[in-house]
Amino acid sequence: MSEARTITDHDEIRRWAEERSGVPTIVADTESDDGSGILRFDFGEREESLKEIDWEDFFDIFEQRRLALLAQDRVDGKTSRFFKFVER
């Protein structure tokens, strides 16, 4: 059985993503004038629709929107990359 947990600690979120080779991004077509957009992590081969941002910008947007990361650590004994951003 797989379980997801809610994470708000920045260090823990960064560690979760980096353990899966994830980088912080925004969906390019959703970028606003202030540089914010829909947050995502990109894993492995980079998707053109995602624009990589630095962790500081990522967490600025994360906090402004009062988000939490809903993340799954393992599924069927393997490392999971399932995640979703949810309201706190």
C-alpha atoms as a PDB file:
ATOM      1  CA  MET A   1       0.000   0.000   0.000  1.00  0.00           C
ATOM      2  CA  SER A   2       1.298   3.471  -0.814  1.00  0.00           C
ATOM      3  CA  GLU A   3       0.837   6.534   1.317  1.00  0.00           C
ATOM      4  CA  ALA A   4       1.392  10.198   0.630  1.00  0.00           C
ATOM      5  CA  ARG A   5       2.475  12.765   3.185  1.00  0.00           C
ATOM      6  CA  THR A   6       2.109  16.517   3.333  1.00  0.00           C
ATOM      7  CA  ILE A   7       5.357  18.493   3.523  1.00  0.00           C
ATOM      8  CA  THR A   8       5.878  22.228   4.084  1.00  0.00           C
ATOM      9  CA  ASP A   9       9.507  22.271   5.281  1.00  0.00           C
ATOM     10  CA  HIS A  10      11.667  23.744   2.506  1.00  0.00           C
ATOM     11  CA  ASP A  11      14.710  21.578   3.220  1.00  0.00           C
ATOM     12  CA  GLU A  12      12.612  18.417   3.229  1.00  0.00           C
ATOM     13  CA  ILE A  13      10.883  19.373  -0.031  1.00  0.00           C
ATOM     14  CA  ARG A  14      14.191  20.125  -1.716  1.00  0.00           C
ATOM     15  CA  ARG A  15      15.688  16.858  -0.449  1.00  0.00           C
ATOM     16  CA  TRP A  16      12.630  14.872  -1.688  1.00  0.00           C
ATOM     17  CA  ALA A  17      12.913  16.390  -5.184  1.00  0.00           C
ATOM     18  CA  GLU A  18      16.692  16.146  -5.486  1.00  0.00           C
ATOM     19  CA  GLU A  19      16.708  12.479  -4.381  1.00  0.00           C
ATOM     20  CA  ARG A  20      14.635  11.879  -7.532  1.00  0.00           C
ATOM     21  CA  SER A  21      16.763  14.169  -9.758  1.00  0.00           C
ATOM     22  CA  GLY A  22      13.959  16.734  -9.718  1.00  0.00           C
ATOM     23  CA  VAL A  23      14.484  20.418 -10.378  1.00  0.00           C
ATOM     24  CA  PRO A  24      12.037  23.249  -9.574  1.00  0.00           C
ATOM     25  CA  THR A  25      10.153  24.631 -12.561  1.00  0.00           C
ATOM     26  CA  ILE A  26       7.115  26.595 -13.618  1.00  0.00           C
ATOM     27  CA  VAL A  27       4.864  25.738 -16.540  1.00  0.00           C
ATOM     28  CA  ALA A  28       6.126  28.193 -19.172  1.00  0.00           C
ATOM     29  CA  ASP A  29       2.726  29.080 -20.649  1.00  0.00           C
ATOM     30  CA  THR A  30       1.445  30.085 -17.189  1.00  0.00           C
ATOM     31  CA  GLU A  31       4.252  32.511 -16.343  1.00  0.00           C
ATOM     32  CA  SER A  32       2.990  35.925 -15.258  1.00  0.00           C
ATOM     33  CA  ASP A  33       4.727  39.313 -15.358  1.00  0.00           C
ATOM     34  CA  ASP A  34       6.081  38.775 -11.835  1.00  0.00           C
ATOM     35  CA  GLY A  35       7.760  35.524 -12.920  1.00  0.00           C
ATOM     36  CA  SER A  36       5.368  33.209 -11.132  1.00  0.00           C
ATOM     37  CA  GLY A  37       3.403  30.397 -12.724  1.00  0.00           C
ATOM     38  CA  ILE A  38       2.193  26.892 -11.993  1.00  0.00           C
ATOM     39  CA  LEU A  39       4.856  25.092  -9.975  1.00  0.00           C
ATOM     40  CA  ARG A  40       6.144  21.666 -11.008  1.00  0.00           C
ATOM     41  CA  PHE A  41       9.194  19.472 -10.582  1.00  0.00           C
ATOM     42  CA  ASP A  42      10.897  18.175 -13.706  1.00  0.00           C
ATOM     43  CA  PHE A  43      12.583  14.768 -13.439  1.00  0.00           C
ATOM     44  CA  GLY A  44      15.215  13.345 -15.755  1.00  0.00           C
ATOM     45  CA  GLU A  45      14.848  14.394 -19.371  1.00  0.00           C
ATOM     46  CA  ARG A  46      13.749  18.033 -19.355  1.00  0.00           C
ATOM     47  CA  GLU A  47      10.369  18.973 -20.768  1.00  0.00           C
ATOM     48  CA  GLU A  48      10.217  22.013 -23.072  1.00  0.00           C
ATOM     49  CA  SER A  49       6.931  23.152 -21.525  1.00  0.00           C
ATOM     50  CA  LEU A  50       8.658  23.637 -18.163  1.00  0.00           C
ATOM     51  CA  LYS A  51      10.992  26.503 -17.305  1.00  0.00           C
ATOM     52  CA  GLU A  52      13.617  25.769 -14.653  1.00  0.00           C
ATOM     53  CA  ILE A  53      13.760  28.268 -11.776  1.00  0.00           C
ATOM     54  CA  ASP A  54      16.046  28.489  -8.767  1.00  0.00           C
ATOM     55  CA  TRP A  55      15.007  27.169  -5.375  1.00  0.00           C
ATOM     56  CA  GLU A  56      14.688  30.656  -3.872  1.00  0.00           C
ATOM     57  CA  ASP A  57      12.146  31.730  -6.515  1.00  0.00           C
ATOM     58  CA  PHE A  58      10.363  28.390  -6.198  1.00  0.00           C
ATOM     59  CA  PHE A  59       9.921  28.770  -2.443  1.00  0.00           C
ATOM     60  CA  ASP A  60       8.888  32.433  -2.768  1.00  0.00           C
ATOM     61  CA  ILE A  61       5.981  31.341  -4.984  1.00  0.00           C
ATOM     62  CA  PHE A  62       5.327  28.304  -2.760  1.00  0.00           C
ATOM     63  CA  GLU A  63       4.947  30.542   0.324  1.00  0.00           C
ATOM     64  CA  GLN A  64       2.984  33.319  -1.419  1.00  0.00           C
ATOM     65  CA  ARG A  65       0.397  30.750  -2.430  1.00  0.00           C
ATOM     66  CA  ARG A  66       0.491  28.988   0.959  1.00  0.00           C
ATOM     67  CA  LEU A  67       1.100  25.614  -0.653  1.00  0.00           C
ATOM     68  CA  ALA A  68       2.135  22.253   0.725  1.00  0.00           C
ATOM     69  CA  LEU A  69       3.693  19.334  -1.113  1.00  0.00           C
ATOM     70  CA  LEU A  70       1.710  16.107  -1.086  1.00  0.00           C
ATOM     71  CA  ALA A  71       4.368  13.503  -1.847  1.00  0.00           C
ATOM     72  CA  GLN A  72       4.670   9.763  -1.985  1.00  0.00           C
ATOM     73  CA  ASP A  73       7.985   8.251  -0.911  1.00  0.00           C
ATOM     74  CA  ARG A  74       7.596   4.678  -2.144  1.00  0.00           C
ATOM     75  CA  VAL A  75       5.140   2.577  -4.103  1.00  0.00           C
ATOM     76  CA  ASP A  76       5.419  -1.197  -4.455  1.00  0.00           C
ATOM     77  CA  GLY A  77       8.820  -1.004  -2.730  1.00  0.00           C
ATOM     78  CA  LYS A  78      10.237   1.426  -5.291  1.00  0.00           C
ATOM     79  CA  THR A  79      10.990   5.132  -5.031  1.00  0.00           C
ATOM     80  CA  SER A  80       7.969   7.150  -6.127  1.00  0.00           C
ATOM     81  CA  ARG A  81       7.953  10.492  -7.915  1.00  0.00           C
ATOM     82  CA  PHE A  82       4.264  11.118  -7.298  1.00  0.00           C
ATOM     83  CA  PHE A  83       3.619  14.637  -6.012  1.00  0.00           C
ATOM     84  CA  LYS A  84       0.973  17.300  -6.017  1.00  0.00           C
ATOM     85  CA  PHE A  85       0.903  20.855  -4.699  1.00  0.00           C
ATOM     86  CA  VAL A  86      -2.077  21.460  -2.411  1.00  0.00           C
ATOM     87  CA  GLU A  87      -3.383  24.319  -0.287  1.00  0.00           C
ATOM     88  CA  ARG A  88      -2.278  24.301   3.339  1.00  0.00           C
END
